[in-house]
Amino acid sequence: MVHLKDLQQQGLNRLLSDHIPVLLVNGSTDWRPRPSKFVNAWFKKEDCMRLIEREWLGMGCLRGKTAGALKKWNVDYGNILENRIIESEVRIKEIDEVSEKRKLSEMEMEEVK
């Protein structure tokens, strides 16, 4: 038998689907260490590729430290993409709220797509 001390349910943001993802969390779970995050679109940024190459070649046996350099780069330069994602999610949520009150226009439907 499994005992859950503090089970919590959280509805996550709906992105492309009309389903709302649900996250169930056991409050006693320790999620550390956090995995590093990488956005594939960063590969399109030349300065990111140079950073990865420089860090990878310069660290020798300490290659696991590249994630820290990428995290700093993302804060300094890469957040533009993340901010666009956040703005898009906010806009989708706004349109979703409007759709509960009235039928969406073709332009709004296209924007959601």
C-alpha atoms as a PDB file:
ATOM      1  CA  MET A   1       0.000   0.000   0.000  1.00  0.00           C
ATOM      2  CA  VAL A   2       1.325   3.466  -0.929  1.00  0.00           C
ATOM      3  CA  HIS A   3       0.812   6.302   1.531  1.00  0.00           C
ATOM      4  CA  LEU A   4       0.753   9.822   0.117  1.00  0.00           C
ATOM      5  CA  LYS A   5       1.252  12.549   2.686  1.00  0.00           C
ATOM      6  CA  ASP A   6       0.367  15.619   0.658  1.00  0.00           C
ATOM      7  CA  LEU A   7      -0.977  14.823  -2.788  1.00  0.00           C
ATOM      8  CA  GLN A   8      -1.578  17.994  -4.769  1.00  0.00           C
ATOM      9  CA  GLN A   9      -3.313  18.411  -8.113  1.00  0.00           C
ATOM     10  CA  GLN A  10      -2.500  21.317 -10.393  1.00  0.00           C
ATOM     11  CA  GLY A  11      -3.979  22.187 -13.783  1.00  0.00           C
ATOM     12  CA  LEU A  12      -1.183  23.262 -16.129  1.00  0.00           C
ATOM     13  CA  ASN A  13      -1.409  25.727 -19.001  1.00  0.00           C
ATOM     14  CA  ARG A  14      -3.063  24.408 -22.105  1.00  0.00           C
ATOM     15  CA  LEU A  15      -0.822  24.881 -25.117  1.00  0.00           C
ATOM     16  CA  LEU A  16      -1.785  23.377 -28.464  1.00  0.00           C
ATOM     17  CA  SER A  17      -4.423  20.896 -27.392  1.00  0.00           C
ATOM     18  CA  ASP A  18      -7.905  21.484 -26.046  1.00  0.00           C
ATOM     19  CA  HIS A  19      -6.957  19.270 -23.079  1.00  0.00           C
ATOM     20  CA  ILE A  20      -5.626  20.678 -19.819  1.00  0.00           C
ATOM     21  CA  PRO A  21      -2.654  18.714 -18.508  1.00  0.00           C
ATOM     22  CA  VAL A  22      -2.943  17.756 -14.835  1.00  0.00           C
ATOM     23  CA  LEU A  23       0.094  17.461 -12.596  1.00  0.00           C
ATOM     24  CA  LEU A  24      -0.160  15.299  -9.484  1.00  0.00           C
ATOM     25  CA  VAL A  25       2.561  15.942  -6.916  1.00  0.00           C
ATOM     26  CA  ASN A  26       3.299  14.141  -3.689  1.00  0.00           C
ATOM     27  CA  GLY A  27       4.276  16.966  -1.329  1.00  0.00           C
ATOM     28  CA  SER A  28       7.004  14.869   0.254  1.00  0.00           C
ATOM     29  CA  THR A  29       8.816  14.315  -3.053  1.00  0.00           C
ATOM     30  CA  ASP A  30      12.233  15.934  -3.380  1.00  0.00           C
ATOM     31  CA  TRP A  31      12.734  17.056  -6.984  1.00  0.00           C
ATOM     32  CA  ARG A  32      16.383  18.117  -6.638  1.00  0.00           C
ATOM     33  CA  PRO A  33      18.687  18.328  -8.444  1.00  0.00           C
ATOM     34  CA  ARG A  34      16.808  20.056 -11.223  1.00  0.00           C
ATOM     35  CA  PRO A  35      17.659  18.776 -14.688  1.00  0.00           C
ATOM     36  CA  SER A  36      19.196  21.307 -17.015  1.00  0.00           C
ATOM     37  CA  LYS A  37      16.990  22.764 -19.728  1.00  0.00           C
ATOM     38  CA  PHE A  38      17.860  23.130 -23.385  1.00  0.00           C
ATOM     39  CA  VAL A  39      15.699  24.650 -26.107  1.00  0.00           C
ATOM     40  CA  ASN A  40      16.477  23.241 -29.563  1.00  0.00           C
ATOM     41  CA  ALA A  41      15.927  26.669 -31.136  1.00  0.00           C
ATOM     42  CA  TRP A  42      19.103  27.805 -29.369  1.00  0.00           C
ATOM     43  CA  PHE A  43      21.022  25.847 -32.017  1.00  0.00           C
ATOM     44  CA  LYS A  44      19.878  28.485 -34.517  1.00  0.00           C
ATOM     45  CA  LYS A  45      21.678  31.190 -32.551  1.00  0.00           C
ATOM     46  CA  GLU A  46      25.279  31.393 -33.672  1.00  0.00           C
ATOM     47  CA  ASP A  47      26.494  32.846 -30.375  1.00  0.00           C
ATOM     48  CA  CYS A  48      25.018  29.867 -28.519  1.00  0.00           C
ATOM     49  CA  MET A  49      26.846  27.404 -30.750  1.00  0.00           C
ATOM     50  CA  ARG A  50      30.114  29.290 -30.214  1.00  0.00           C
ATOM     51  CA  LEU A  51      29.518  29.206 -26.449  1.00  0.00           C
ATOM     52  CA  ILE A  52      28.902  25.455 -26.470  1.00  0.00           C
ATOM     53  CA  GLU A  53      32.016  24.812 -28.541  1.00  0.00           C
ATOM     54  CA  ARG A  54      34.173  27.097 -26.386  1.00  0.00           C
ATOM     55  CA  GLU A  55      32.889  25.630 -23.112  1.00  0.00           C
ATOM     56  CA  TRP A  56      33.065  22.039 -24.311  1.00  0.00           C
ATOM     57  CA  LEU A  57      36.623  22.320 -25.610  1.00  0.00           C
ATOM     58  CA  GLY A  58      37.881  24.394 -22.682  1.00  0.00           C
ATOM     59  CA  MET A  59      36.646  22.173 -19.872  1.00  0.00           C
ATOM     60  CA  GLY A  60      38.330  18.886 -20.638  1.00  0.00           C
ATOM     61  CA  CYS A  61      37.077  16.399 -18.055  1.00  0.00           C
ATOM     62  CA  LEU A  62      34.617  18.935 -16.545  1.00  0.00           C
ATOM     63  CA  ARG A  63      32.202  18.780 -19.470  1.00  0.00           C
ATOM     64  CA  GLY A  64      29.180  18.600 -17.183  1.00  0.00           C
ATOM     65  CA  LYS A  65      29.709  22.293 -16.419  1.00  0.00           C
ATOM     66  CA  THR A  66      28.529  23.328 -19.892  1.00  0.00           C
ATOM     67  CA  ALA A  67      24.964  23.408 -18.543  1.00  0.00           C
ATOM     68  CA  GLY A  68      25.908  26.231 -16.149  1.00  0.00           C
ATOM     69  CA  ALA A  69      27.375  28.295 -18.985  1.00  0.00           C
ATOM     70  CA  LEU A  70      24.217  27.719 -21.063  1.00  0.00           C
ATOM     71  CA  LYS A  71      22.032  28.741 -18.135  1.00  0.00           C
ATOM     72  CA  LYS A  72      23.942  32.020 -17.793  1.00  0.00           C
ATOM     73  CA  TRP A  73      23.816  32.590 -21.566  1.00  0.00           C
ATOM     74  CA  ASN A  74      20.061  32.004 -21.552  1.00  0.00           C
ATOM     75  CA  VAL A  75      19.564  34.591 -18.808  1.00  0.00           C
ATOM     76  CA  ASP A  76      21.750  37.116 -20.644  1.00  0.00           C
ATOM     77  CA  TYR A  77      20.763  36.490 -24.276  1.00  0.00           C
ATOM     78  CA  GLY A  78      18.439  33.553 -24.831  1.00  0.00           C
ATOM     79  CA  ASN A  79      15.393  34.648 -22.853  1.00  0.00           C
ATOM     80  CA  ILE A  80      14.035  36.387 -25.920  1.00  0.00           C
ATOM     81  CA  LEU A  81      12.724  33.044 -27.168  1.00  0.00           C
ATOM     82  CA  GLU A  82      11.338  32.090 -23.767  1.00  0.00           C
ATOM     83  CA  ASN A  83       9.625  35.474 -23.469  1.00  0.00           C
ATOM     84  CA  ARG A  84       7.988  34.935 -26.870  1.00  0.00           C
ATOM     85  CA  ILE A  85       6.770  31.525 -25.698  1.00  0.00           C
ATOM     86  CA  ILE A  86       5.340  33.037 -22.509  1.00  0.00           C
ATOM     87  CA  GLU A  87       3.654  35.848 -24.457  1.00  0.00           C
ATOM     88  CA  SER A  88       2.140  33.280 -26.838  1.00  0.00           C
ATOM     89  CA  GLU A  89       0.852  31.188 -23.934  1.00  0.00           C
ATOM     90  CA  VAL A  90      -0.738  34.283 -22.368  1.00  0.00           C
ATOM     91  CA  ARG A  91      -2.380  35.176 -25.672  1.00  0.00           C
ATOM     92  CA  ILE A  92      -3.728  31.625 -26.103  1.00  0.00           C
ATOM     93  CA  LYS A  93      -5.194  31.811 -22.616  1.00  0.00           C
ATOM     94  CA  GLU A  94      -6.830  35.184 -23.433  1.00  0.00           C
ATOM     95  CA  ILE A  95      -8.361  33.789 -26.611  1.00  0.00           C
ATOM     96  CA  ASP A  96      -9.481  30.694 -24.710  1.00  0.00           C
ATOM     97  CA  GLU A  97     -11.321  32.904 -22.202  1.00  0.00           C
ATOM     98  CA  VAL A  98     -12.945  34.866 -25.044  1.00  0.00           C
ATOM     99  CA  SER A  99     -14.045  31.594 -26.673  1.00  0.00           C
ATOM    100  CA  GLU A 100     -16.044  30.754 -23.558  1.00  0.00           C
ATOM    101  CA  LYS A 101     -18.143  33.906 -24.086  1.00  0.00           C
ATOM    102  CA  ARG A 102     -18.513  33.998 -27.860  1.00  0.00           C
ATOM    103  CA  LYS A 103     -17.566  32.300 -31.094  1.00  0.00           C
ATOM    104  CA  LEU A 104     -14.048  33.125 -32.206  1.00  0.00           C
ATOM    105  CA  SER A 105     -13.435  35.036 -35.424  1.00  0.00           C
ATOM    106  CA  GLU A 106     -11.445  33.402 -38.221  1.00  0.00           C
ATOM    107  CA  MET A 107      -8.519  35.689 -37.376  1.00  0.00           C
ATOM    108  CA  GLU A 108      -8.567  34.559 -33.735  1.00  0.00           C
ATOM    109  CA  MET A 109      -8.771  30.908 -34.795  1.00  0.00           C
ATOM    110  CA  GLU A 110      -5.804  31.399 -37.089  1.00  0.00           C
ATOM    111  CA  GLU A 111      -3.862  33.142 -34.312  1.00  0.00           C
ATOM    112  CA  VAL A 112      -4.404  30.178 -32.006  1.00  0.00           C
ATOM    113  CA  LYS A 113      -3.097  27.813 -34.711  1.00  0.00           C
END
